[in-house]
PDB file of N, CA and C in Angstrom:
ATOM      1  N   MET A   1     103.458   1.816  37.005  1.00  0.00           N
ATOM      2  CA  MET A   1     102.703   2.102  35.676  1.00  0.00           C
ATOM      3  C   MET A   1     101.581   2.441  35.767  1.00  0.00           C
ATOM      4  N   PRO A   2     100.770   3.461  35.075  1.00  0.00           N
ATOM      5  CA  PRO A   2      99.402   3.515  35.103  1.00  0.00           C
ATOM      6  C   PRO A   2      98.501   2.213  34.948  1.00  0.00           C
ATOM      7  N   GLU A   3      97.371   2.353  35.657  1.00  0.00           N
ATOM      8  CA  GLU A   3      96.545   0.907  35.480  1.00  0.00           C
ATOM      9  C   GLU A   3      95.787   1.000  34.504  1.00  0.00           C
ATOM     10  N   VAL A   4      95.534  -0.063  33.811  1.00  0.00           N
ATOM     11  CA  VAL A   4      94.569  -0.085  32.734  1.00  0.00           C
ATOM     12  C   VAL A   4      93.099  -0.560  33.157  1.00  0.00           C
ATOM     13  N   LYS A   5      92.146   0.344  33.000  1.00  0.00           N
ATOM     14  CA  LYS A   5      90.760   0.153  33.130  1.00  0.00           C
ATOM     15  C   LYS A   5      90.389  -1.250  32.549  1.00  0.00           C
ATOM     16  N   PRO A   6      89.338  -1.707  33.435  1.00  0.00           N
ATOM     17  CA  PRO A   6      88.694  -3.209  32.532  1.00  0.00           C
ATOM     18  C   PRO A   6      87.632  -2.458  31.942  1.00  0.00           C
ATOM     19  N   THR A   7      87.291  -2.883  30.811  1.00  0.00           N
ATOM     20  CA  THR A   7      85.953  -2.846  29.988  1.00  0.00           C
ATOM     21  C   THR A   7      85.356  -4.090  29.377  1.00  0.00           C
ATOM     22  N   VAL A   8      84.248  -3.904  29.168  1.00  0.00           N
ATOM     23  CA  VAL A   8      83.454  -4.871  28.729  1.00  0.00           C
ATOM     24  C   VAL A   8      83.847  -5.305  27.607  1.00  0.00           C
ATOM     25  N   GLY A   9      84.483  -6.612  27.040  1.00  0.00           N
ATOM     26  CA  GLY A   9      84.728  -7.195  25.628  1.00  0.00           C
ATOM     27  C   GLY A   9      86.305  -7.519  25.774  1.00  0.00           C
ATOM     28  N   ARG A  10      86.923  -6.881  27.198  1.00  0.00           N
ATOM     29  CA  ARG A  10      88.305  -7.328  26.854  1.00  0.00           C
ATOM     30  C   ARG A  10      88.895  -8.761  27.677  1.00  0.00           C
ATOM     31  N   MET A  11      89.854  -9.332  26.653  1.00  0.00           N
ATOM     32  CA  MET A  11      89.814 -10.732  27.168  1.00  0.00           C
ATOM     33  C   MET A  11      91.113 -10.746  28.510  1.00  0.00           C
ATOM     34  N   VAL A  12      90.948 -11.559  29.198  1.00  0.00           N
ATOM     35  CA  VAL A  12      91.405 -11.543  30.413  1.00  0.00           C
ATOM     36  C   VAL A  12      91.764 -13.020  31.112  1.00  0.00           C
ATOM     37  N   TYR A  13      92.701 -13.016  31.927  1.00  0.00           N
ATOM     38  CA  TYR A  13      92.750 -14.905  32.727  1.00  0.00           C
ATOM     39  C   TYR A  13      91.692 -14.667  33.935  1.00  0.00           C
ATOM     40  N   PHE A  14      91.114 -15.823  34.073  1.00  0.00           N
ATOM     41  CA  PHE A  14      90.339 -16.150  35.464  1.00  0.00           C
ATOM     42  C   PHE A  14      91.177 -17.118  36.262  1.00  0.00           C
ATOM     43  N   LYS A  15      91.852 -16.870  37.359  1.00  0.00           N
ATOM     44  CA  LYS A  15      91.998 -18.081  38.205  1.00  0.00           C
ATOM     45  C   LYS A  15      91.587 -18.786  38.904  1.00  0.00           C
ATOM     46  N   SER A  16      91.080 -20.224  38.300  1.00  0.00           N
ATOM     47  CA  SER A  16      89.667 -20.912  39.084  1.00  0.00           C
ATOM     48  C   SER A  16      90.395 -21.266  40.395  1.00  0.00           C
ATOM     49  N   ARG A  17      89.786 -21.539  41.515  1.00  0.00           N
ATOM     50  CA  ARG A  17      89.712 -21.978  42.668  1.00  0.00           C
ATOM     51  C   ARG A  17      90.458 -23.121  43.209  1.00  0.00           C
ATOM     52  N   GLY A  18      89.940 -24.331  42.069  1.00  0.00           N
ATOM     53  CA  GLY A  18      90.657 -25.693  42.334  1.00  0.00           C
ATOM     54  C   GLY A  18      89.501 -26.160  42.923  1.00  0.00           C
ATOM     55  N   SER A  19      89.847 -27.675  43.426  1.00  0.00           N
ATOM     56  CA  SER A  19      88.961 -28.495  44.046  1.00  0.00           C
ATOM     57  C   SER A  19      89.319 -28.350  45.484  1.00  0.00           C
ATOM     58  N   ALA A  20      88.601 -28.583  46.548  1.00  0.00           N
ATOM     59  CA  ALA A  20      88.774 -28.024  47.982  1.00  0.00           C
ATOM     60  C   ALA A  20      89.716 -29.487  48.207  1.00  0.00           C
ATOM     61  N   ASP A  21      90.009 -30.831  47.743  1.00  0.00           N
ATOM     62  CA  ASP A  21      91.000 -31.831  48.183  1.00  0.00           C
ATOM     63  C   ASP A  21      92.150 -31.974  47.332  1.00  0.00           C
ATOM     64  N   GLY A  22      92.269 -30.618  46.716  1.00  0.00           N
ATOM     65  CA  GLY A  22      93.635 -30.108  45.889  1.00  0.00           C
ATOM     66  C   GLY A  22      93.887 -31.153  44.634  1.00  0.00           C
ATOM     67  N   VAL A  23      92.881 -31.957  44.107  1.00  0.00           N
ATOM     68  CA  VAL A  23      93.062 -33.018  42.958  1.00  0.00           C
ATOM     69  C   VAL A  23      93.091 -32.163  41.980  1.00  0.00           C
ATOM     70  N   TYR A  24      92.400 -30.971  41.655  1.00  0.00           N
ATOM     71  CA  TYR A  24      92.290 -30.413  40.723  1.00  0.00           C
ATOM     72  C   TYR A  24      92.866 -29.155  41.163  1.00  0.00           C
ATOM     73  N   PRO A  25      94.331 -28.534  40.691  1.00  0.00           N
ATOM     74  CA  PRO A  25      94.893 -27.177  41.431  1.00  0.00           C
ATOM     75  C   PRO A  25      93.906 -26.034  40.515  1.00  0.00           C
ATOM     76  N   PRO A  26      93.939 -24.923  40.912  1.00  0.00           N
ATOM     77  CA  PRO A  26      93.957 -23.770  40.459  1.00  0.00           C
ATOM     78  C   PRO A  26      94.387 -23.487  38.796  1.00  0.00           C
ATOM     79  N   ARG A  27      93.886 -23.083  37.955  1.00  0.00           N
ATOM     80  CA  ARG A  27      94.160 -23.059  36.606  1.00  0.00           C
ATOM     81  C   ARG A  27      93.790 -21.454  36.248  1.00  0.00           C
ATOM     82  N   ASP A  28      94.526 -21.155  35.020  1.00  0.00           N
ATOM     83  CA  ASP A  28      94.132 -19.825  34.190  1.00  0.00           C
ATOM     84  C   ASP A  28      93.239 -20.462  33.136  1.00  0.00           C
ATOM     85  N   PHE A  29      92.449 -19.698  32.952  1.00  0.00           N
ATOM     86  CA  PHE A  29      91.452 -19.908  31.506  1.00  0.00           C
ATOM     87  C   PHE A  29      90.930 -18.450  31.070  1.00  0.00           C
ATOM     88  N   ALA A  30      91.125 -18.660  29.596  1.00  0.00           N
ATOM     89  CA  ALA A  30      90.753 -17.282  28.853  1.00  0.00           C
ATOM     90  C   ALA A  30      89.538 -17.046  29.094  1.00  0.00           C
ATOM     91  N   SER A  31      89.058 -15.530  29.583  1.00  0.00           N
ATOM     92  CA  SER A  31      87.941 -15.111  29.882  1.00  0.00           C
ATOM     93  C   SER A  31      87.300 -13.797  29.227  1.00  0.00           C
ATOM     94  N   ILE A  32      86.410 -13.252  29.232  1.00  0.00           N
ATOM     95  CA  ILE A  32      86.089 -12.089  28.697  1.00  0.00           C
ATOM     96  C   ILE A  32      85.202 -11.391  29.746  1.00  0.00           C
ATOM     97  N   ILE A  33      85.486 -10.322  29.620  1.00  0.00           N
ATOM     98  CA  ILE A  33      84.847  -9.324  30.944  1.00  0.00           C
ATOM     99  C   ILE A  33      83.217  -9.194  30.003  1.00  0.00           C
ATOM    100  N   THR A  34      82.410  -9.475  31.461  1.00  0.00           N
ATOM    101  CA  THR A  34      81.019  -9.116  30.549  1.00  0.00           C
ATOM    102  C   THR A  34      80.275  -7.713  31.319  1.00  0.00           C
ATOM    103  N   ARG A  35      80.959  -7.696  32.668  1.00  0.00           N
ATOM    104  CA  ARG A  35      80.273  -6.425  33.230  1.00  0.00           C
ATOM    105  C   ARG A  35      81.349  -5.719  34.251  1.00  0.00           C
ATOM    106  N   VAL A  36      81.563  -4.625  34.097  1.00  0.00           N
ATOM    107  CA  VAL A  36      82.289  -3.983  35.370  1.00  0.00           C
ATOM    108  C   VAL A  36      81.517  -3.043  36.215  1.00  0.00           C
ATOM    109  N   TYR A  37      81.674  -3.142  37.467  1.00  0.00           N
ATOM    110  CA  TYR A  37      81.045  -2.599  38.669  1.00  0.00           C
ATOM    111  C   TYR A  37      81.551  -1.413  38.963  1.00  0.00           C
ATOM    112  N   ASP A  38      80.763  -0.623  39.682  1.00  0.00           N
ATOM    113  CA  ASP A  38      81.457   0.831  39.862  1.00  0.00           C
ATOM    114  C   ASP A  38      82.641   0.572  40.971  1.00  0.00           C
ATOM    115  N   THR A  39      82.392  -0.595  41.751  1.00  0.00           N
ATOM    116  CA  THR A  39      83.404  -1.093  42.726  1.00  0.00           C
ATOM    117  C   THR A  39      84.842  -1.344  42.064  1.00  0.00           C
ATOM    118  N   GLY A  40      85.024  -1.412  40.809  1.00  0.00           N
ATOM    119  CA  GLY A  40      86.029  -2.183  39.948  1.00  0.00           C
ATOM    120  C   GLY A  40      85.987  -3.343  39.883  1.00  0.00           C
ATOM    121  N   GLU A  41      85.083  -4.151  40.522  1.00  0.00           N
ATOM    122  CA  GLU A  41      85.241  -5.731  40.530  1.00  0.00           C
ATOM    123  C   GLU A  41      84.329  -5.879  38.854  1.00  0.00           C
ATOM    124  N   VAL A  42      84.864  -7.272  38.344  1.00  0.00           N
ATOM    125  CA  VAL A  42      83.850  -7.564  37.239  1.00  0.00           C
ATOM    126  C   VAL A  42      83.143  -8.869  37.436  1.00  0.00           C
ATOM    127  N   SER A  43      82.374  -9.020  36.096  1.00  0.00           N
ATOM    128  CA  SER A  43      81.881 -10.226  35.997  1.00  0.00           C
ATOM    129  C   SER A  43      82.280 -10.940  34.639  1.00  0.00           C
ATOM    130  N   LEU A  44      82.532 -12.291  34.424  1.00  0.00           N
ATOM    131  CA  LEU A  44      83.179 -12.608  33.512  1.00  0.00           C
ATOM    132  C   LEU A  44      82.427 -14.047  33.020  1.00  0.00           C
ATOM    133  N   VAL A  45      82.818 -13.979  31.709  1.00  0.00           N
ATOM    134  CA  VAL A  45      82.685 -15.699  30.900  1.00  0.00           C
ATOM    135  C   VAL A  45      83.863 -16.140  30.628  1.00  0.00           C
ATOM    136  N   SER A  46      84.067 -17.468  31.306  1.00  0.00           N
ATOM    137  CA  SER A  46      85.453 -18.066  30.938  1.00  0.00           C
ATOM    138  C   SER A  46      85.187 -19.578  30.012  1.00  0.00           C
ATOM    139  N   PHE A  47      86.594 -19.735  29.366  1.00  0.00           N
ATOM    140  CA  PHE A  47      86.111 -20.974  28.460  1.00  0.00           C
ATOM    141  C   PHE A  47      87.015 -21.857  28.888  1.00  0.00           C
ATOM    142  N   SER A  48      86.632 -23.084  29.307  1.00  0.00           N
ATOM    143  CA  SER A  48      87.431 -24.358  29.370  1.00  0.00           C
ATOM    144  C   SER A  48      87.050 -25.323  28.588  1.00  0.00           C
ATOM    145  N   GLU A  49      87.893 -26.453  28.564  1.00  0.00           N
ATOM    146  CA  GLU A  49      87.576 -27.662  27.490  1.00  0.00           C
ATOM    147  C   GLU A  49      86.268 -28.582  28.091  1.00  0.00           C
ATOM    148  N   MET A  50      85.528 -27.987  29.194  1.00  0.00           N
ATOM    149  CA  MET A  50      84.459 -28.238  29.653  1.00  0.00           C
ATOM    150  C   MET A  50      83.267 -27.773  29.473  1.00  0.00           C
ATOM    151  N   GLY A  51      83.740 -26.609  28.906  1.00  0.00           N
ATOM    152  CA  GLY A  51      82.385 -25.438  28.633  1.00  0.00           C
ATOM    153  C   GLY A  51      82.854 -24.175  29.271  1.00  0.00           C
ATOM    154  N   LEU A  52      81.402 -23.567  29.337  1.00  0.00           N
ATOM    155  CA  LEU A  52      81.540 -22.166  29.746  1.00  0.00           C
ATOM    156  C   LEU A  52      81.345 -22.041  31.371  1.00  0.00           C
ATOM    157  N   ARG A  53      81.763 -21.213  31.818  1.00  0.00           N
ATOM    158  CA  ARG A  53      81.589 -20.845  33.538  1.00  0.00           C
ATOM    159  C   ARG A  53      81.247 -19.432  33.357  1.00  0.00           C
ATOM    160  N   PHE A  54      80.609 -19.009  34.545  1.00  0.00           N
ATOM    161  CA  PHE A  54      80.071 -17.692  34.798  1.00  0.00           C
ATOM    162  C   PHE A  54      80.674 -17.234  35.981  1.00  0.00           C
ATOM    163  N   GLU A  55      81.337 -16.035  36.198  1.00  0.00           N
ATOM    164  CA  GLU A  55      81.913 -15.741  37.524  1.00  0.00           C
ATOM    165  C   GLU A  55      81.540 -14.087  37.843  1.00  0.00           C
ATOM    166  N   GLU A  56      80.841 -13.781  38.806  1.00  0.00           N
ATOM    167  CA  GLU A  56      80.360 -12.544  39.244  1.00  0.00           C
ATOM    168  C   GLU A  56      81.350 -11.951  40.245  1.00  0.00           C
ATOM    169  N   LYS A  57      81.554 -10.606  39.822  1.00  0.00           N
ATOM    170  CA  LYS A  57      82.002  -9.676  41.379  1.00  0.00           C
ATOM    171  C   LYS A  57      83.229 -10.147  41.476  1.00  0.00           C
ATOM    172  N   LEU A  58      84.069  -9.909  40.876  1.00  0.00           N
ATOM    173  CA  LEU A  58      85.519 -10.868  40.853  1.00  0.00           C
ATOM    174  C   LEU A  58      86.441  -9.567  41.160  1.00  0.00           C
ATOM    175  N   THR A  59      87.274  -9.497  41.934  1.00  0.00           N
ATOM    176  CA  THR A  59      88.641  -8.623  41.995  1.00  0.00           C
ATOM    177  C   THR A  59      89.778  -9.058  41.381  1.00  0.00           C
ATOM    178  N   GLN A  60      90.722  -7.882  40.878  1.00  0.00           N
ATOM    179  CA  GLN A  60      91.914  -8.094  40.177  1.00  0.00           C
ATOM    180  C   GLN A  60      92.786  -8.607  41.237  1.00  0.00           C
ATOM    181  N   GLY A  61      93.652  -9.677  40.652  1.00  0.00           N
ATOM    182  CA  GLY A  61      94.751 -10.406  41.688  1.00  0.00           C
ATOM    183  C   GLY A  61      95.132 -11.641  40.924  1.00  0.00           C
ATOM    184  N   GLN A  62      96.108 -12.303  41.605  1.00  0.00           N
ATOM    185  CA  GLN A  62      96.666 -13.410  41.060  1.00  0.00           C
ATOM    186  C   GLN A  62      96.395 -14.504  41.763  1.00  0.00           C
ATOM    187  N   GLU A  63      95.502 -14.448  42.831  1.00  0.00           N
ATOM    188  CA  GLU A  63      95.244 -15.419  43.839  1.00  0.00           C
ATOM    189  C   GLU A  63      93.775 -16.160  42.962  1.00  0.00           C
ATOM    190  N   PRO A  64      93.613 -17.501  43.335  1.00  0.00           N
ATOM    191  CA  PRO A  64      92.644 -18.043  43.079  1.00  0.00           C
ATOM    192  C   PRO A  64      91.483 -17.572  43.127  1.00  0.00           C
ATOM    193  N   GLY A  65      90.413 -17.441  42.360  1.00  0.00           N
ATOM    194  CA  GLY A  65      89.013 -16.544  42.478  1.00  0.00           C
ATOM    195  C   GLY A  65      89.057 -15.380  41.991  1.00  0.00           C
ATOM    196  N   GLN A  66      90.298 -15.022  41.450  1.00  0.00           N
ATOM    197  CA  GLN A  66      90.686 -13.680  40.583  1.00  0.00           C
ATOM    198  C   GLN A  66      90.820 -13.768  39.284  1.00  0.00           C
ATOM    199  N   TRP A  67      90.684 -12.415  38.601  1.00  0.00           N
ATOM    200  CA  TRP A  67      90.931 -12.093  37.309  1.00  0.00           C
ATOM    201  C   TRP A  67      92.429 -11.253  36.986  1.00  0.00           C
ATOM    202  N   ASP A  68      93.019 -11.658  36.261  1.00  0.00           N
ATOM    203  CA  ASP A  68      94.008 -10.413  35.674  1.00  0.00           C
ATOM    204  C   ASP A  68      94.391 -10.474  34.173  1.00  0.00           C
ATOM    205  N   TRP A  69      95.080  -9.557  34.053  1.00  0.00           N
ATOM    206  CA  TRP A  69      95.579  -9.290  32.378  1.00  0.00           C
ATOM    207  C   TRP A  69      96.264 -10.257  32.111  1.00  0.00           C
ATOM    208  N   MET A  70      96.367 -10.540  30.687  1.00  0.00           N
ATOM    209  CA  MET A  70      97.059 -11.592  30.187  1.00  0.00           C
ATOM    210  C   MET A  70      98.713 -10.893  30.146  1.00  0.00           C
ATOM    211  N   PRO A  71      99.645 -11.848  29.761  1.00  0.00           N
ATOM    212  CA  PRO A  71     100.871 -11.248  29.860  1.00  0.00           C
ATOM    213  C   PRO A  71     101.300 -10.260  28.588  1.00  0.00           C
ATOM    214  N   PHE A  72     100.668 -10.516  27.676  1.00  0.00           N
ATOM    215  CA  PHE A  72     100.897  -9.405  26.258  1.00  0.00           C
ATOM    216  C   PHE A  72     100.329  -8.310  26.523  1.00  0.00           C
ATOM    217  N   GLN A  73      99.173  -8.116  27.449  1.00  0.00           N
ATOM    218  CA  GLN A  73      98.391  -6.952  28.116  1.00  0.00           C
ATOM    219  C   GLN A  73      99.047  -6.340  28.747  1.00  0.00           C
ATOM    220  N   LYS A  74     100.140  -6.858  29.697  1.00  0.00           N
ATOM    221  CA  LYS A  74     100.976  -6.205  30.861  1.00  0.00           C
ATOM    222  C   LYS A  74     102.289  -5.457  30.146  1.00  0.00           C
ATOM    223  N   ASP A  75     102.751  -6.423  28.881  1.00  0.00           N
ATOM    224  CA  ASP A  75     103.751  -6.097  28.310  1.00  0.00           C
ATOM    225  C   ASP A  75     103.571  -4.761  27.549  1.00  0.00           C
ATOM    226  N   GLN A  76     102.415  -4.778  26.999  1.00  0.00           N
ATOM    227  CA  GLN A  76     102.053  -3.807  25.812  1.00  0.00           C
ATOM    228  C   GLN A  76     101.676  -2.637  26.769  1.00  0.00           C
ATOM    229  N   GLN A  77     101.102  -2.685  27.887  1.00  0.00           N
ATOM    230  CA  GLN A  77     100.916  -1.524  29.054  1.00  0.00           C
ATOM    231  C   GLN A  77     102.329  -0.931  29.390  1.00  0.00           C
ATOM    232  N   ALA A  78     103.281  -1.680  29.456  1.00  0.00           N
ATOM    233  CA  ALA A  78     104.344  -1.132  29.939  1.00  0.00           C
ATOM    234  C   ALA A  78     105.095  -0.713  28.961  1.00  0.00           C
ATOM    235  N   ARG A  79     104.960  -1.075  27.821  1.00  0.00           N
ATOM    236  CA  ARG A  79     105.883  -0.269  26.438  1.00  0.00           C
ATOM    237  C   ARG A  79     105.182   0.997  26.308  1.00  0.00           C
ATOM    238  N   LEU A  80     103.913   1.089  26.604  1.00  0.00           N
ATOM    239  CA  LEU A  80     103.085   2.392  26.232  1.00  0.00           C
ATOM    240  C   LEU A  80     103.592   3.307  27.339  1.00  0.00           C
ATOM    241  N   THR A  81     103.747   2.811  28.610  1.00  0.00           N
ATOM    242  CA  THR A  81     104.218   3.600  29.648  1.00  0.00           C
ATOM    243  C   THR A  81     105.743   4.250  29.491  1.00  0.00           C
ATOM    244  N   GLN A  82     106.286   3.621  28.890  1.00  0.00           N
ATOM    245  CA  GLN A  82     107.750   3.851  28.522  1.00  0.00           C
ATOM    246  C   GLN A  82     107.789   4.687  27.199  1.00  0.00           C
ATOM    247  N   GLY A  83     106.866   4.881  26.675  1.00  0.00           N
ATOM    248  CA  GLY A  83     106.785   5.773  25.430  1.00  0.00           C
ATOM    249  C   GLY A  83     107.399   4.990  24.142  1.00  0.00           C
ATOM    250  N   THR A  84     107.172   3.442  24.209  1.00  0.00           N
ATOM    251  CA  THR A  84     107.800   2.720  23.053  1.00  0.00           C
ATOM    252  C   THR A  84     106.609   2.164  22.406  1.00  0.00           C
ATOM    253  N   THR A  85     106.612   1.759  20.871  1.00  0.00           N
ATOM    254  CA  THR A  85     105.626   1.261  20.158  1.00  0.00           C
ATOM    255  C   THR A  85     106.274  -0.140  19.929  1.00  0.00           C
ATOM    256  N   THR A  86     105.424  -0.878  19.373  1.00  0.00           N
ATOM    257  CA  THR A  86     105.694  -2.204  18.928  1.00  0.00           C
ATOM    258  C   THR A  86     105.733  -2.413  17.318  1.00  0.00           C
ATOM    259  N   THR A  87     105.358  -1.167  16.712  1.00  0.00           N
ATOM    260  CA  THR A  87     105.439  -1.033  15.175  1.00  0.00           C
ATOM    261  C   THR A  87     106.353  -1.208  14.575  1.00  0.00           C
ATOM    262  N   THR A  88     106.464  -1.963  13.259  1.00  0.00           N
ATOM    263  CA  THR A  88     107.589  -2.032  12.868  1.00  0.00           C
ATOM    264  C   THR A  88     107.394  -1.413  11.413  1.00  0.00           C
ATOM    265  N   SER A  89     108.670  -0.924  10.631  1.00  0.00           N
ATOM    266  CA  SER A  89     108.481   0.119   9.447  1.00  0.00           C
ATOM    267  C   SER A  89     109.269  -1.286   8.452  1.00  0.00           C
ATOM    268  N   LYS A  90     108.524  -0.941   7.336  1.00  0.00           N
ATOM    269  CA  LYS A  90     108.766  -1.972   5.966  1.00  0.00           C
ATOM    270  C   LYS A  90     110.081  -0.929   4.966  1.00  0.00           C
TER     271      LYS A  90
END
């Protein structure tokens, strides 16, 4: 599947690192890309029930401390790659 390029303003997930003692496990937070670096890393603003958090120079992945696309974005990209659309006719 062709890789989607991150751009400023896109919604993504940020997986928090959790606490060192394991009391708070890593969690996914809704985030907005605020900067894309030439290296492919991104900076984000993430939203939680406690407020905003800012993260810089993150790589894409599914490990704590990384960002990734949301499931619907991955599904949409897979459909576009296969040449199908999600539009409905009336």
